[in-house]
Amino acid sequence: MSTTVIEDAALNAADRCDRCGAQAYMRVTLAGGYDLLFCAHHGKEHADKLKQVALKIHDESARIS
């Protein structure tokens, strides 16, 4: 038996924050299978609540210099 692991696609400049429209650096997957995108600012602002409801958090905010 083998298991296939599918990596999350990297976020790019076309991915925009659902809160403010800035470039997204965080993808949050919810239980219903829906994704929310956040800029680094809003991802950090809502991090505590997102950790409570997210199945997965893909955070690329370390790319910001």
Protein backbone atom coordinates (compact mmCIF):
# COMPACT_ATOMS: atom_id res chain seq x y z
CA MET A 1 0.00 0.00 0.00
CA SER A 2 1.34 3.43 -0.88
CA THR A 3 0.29 6.89 0.19
CA THR A 4 0.44 9.90 -2.07
CA VAL A 5 1.13 13.23 -0.42
CA ILE A 6 -0.03 16.29 -2.31
CA GLU A 7 1.78 19.47 -1.35
CA ASP A 8 -0.18 22.71 -1.15
CA ALA A 9 0.38 24.91 -4.16
CA ALA A 10 2.57 27.89 -3.34
CA LEU A 11 0.76 31.17 -2.97
CA ASN A 12 1.55 33.76 -5.64
CA ALA A 13 0.90 37.44 -6.37
CA ALA A 14 -2.54 36.64 -7.83
CA ASP A 15 -3.71 35.21 -4.47
CA ARG A 16 -5.38 38.01 -2.51
CA CYS A 17 -6.42 38.40 1.11
CA ASP A 18 -10.14 37.76 1.62
CA ARG A 19 -10.20 40.52 4.25
CA CYS A 20 -8.44 43.45 2.52
CA GLY A 21 -7.29 42.40 -0.96
CA ALA A 22 -3.54 42.58 -0.26
CA GLN A 23 -1.26 39.77 -1.41
CA ALA A 24 -2.05 36.58 0.51
CA TYR A 25 0.67 34.78 2.44
CA MET A 26 -1.57 32.42 4.41
CA ARG A 27 -4.09 29.79 3.27
CA VAL A 28 -6.45 28.41 5.92
CA THR A 29 -8.39 25.24 5.12
CA LEU A 30 -11.63 24.86 7.05
CA ALA A 31 -13.57 21.69 7.89
CA GLY A 32 -16.00 22.13 4.99
CA GLY A 33 -13.08 22.02 2.57
CA TYR A 34 -13.14 25.74 1.94
CA ASP A 35 -10.00 27.87 1.91
CA LEU A 36 -9.60 31.38 3.22
CA LEU A 37 -6.66 33.54 2.16
CA PHE A 38 -5.07 36.17 4.39
CA CYS A 39 -2.27 38.69 4.09
CA ALA A 40 0.42 38.41 6.76
CA HIS A 41 -1.17 41.22 8.80
CA HIS A 42 -4.67 39.72 8.96
CA GLY A 43 -3.32 36.18 9.34
CA LYS A 44 -1.44 37.25 12.46
CA GLU A 45 -4.35 39.35 13.73
CA HIS A 46 -6.75 36.38 13.58
CA ALA A 47 -4.22 33.57 14.28
CA ASP A 48 -5.67 32.51 17.64
CA LYS A 49 -9.20 32.06 16.27
CA LEU A 50 -7.98 30.46 13.03
CA LYS A 51 -6.02 27.83 14.97
CA GLN A 52 -9.25 26.84 16.72
CA VAL A 53 -11.26 26.27 13.51
CA ALA A 54 -8.70 25.35 10.84
CA LEU A 55 -7.92 21.88 9.59
CA LYS A 56 -4.70 23.18 8.08
CA ILE A 57 -2.81 26.47 7.97
CA HIS A 58 -0.33 27.01 5.13
CA ASP A 59 1.77 30.04 6.15
CA GLU A 60 4.29 31.60 3.75
CA SER A 61 4.70 34.89 5.63
CA ALA A 62 8.39 34.07 6.21
CA ARG A 63 8.95 34.99 2.53
CA ILE A 64 8.40 38.66 3.40
CA SER A 65 11.72 40.41 3.88
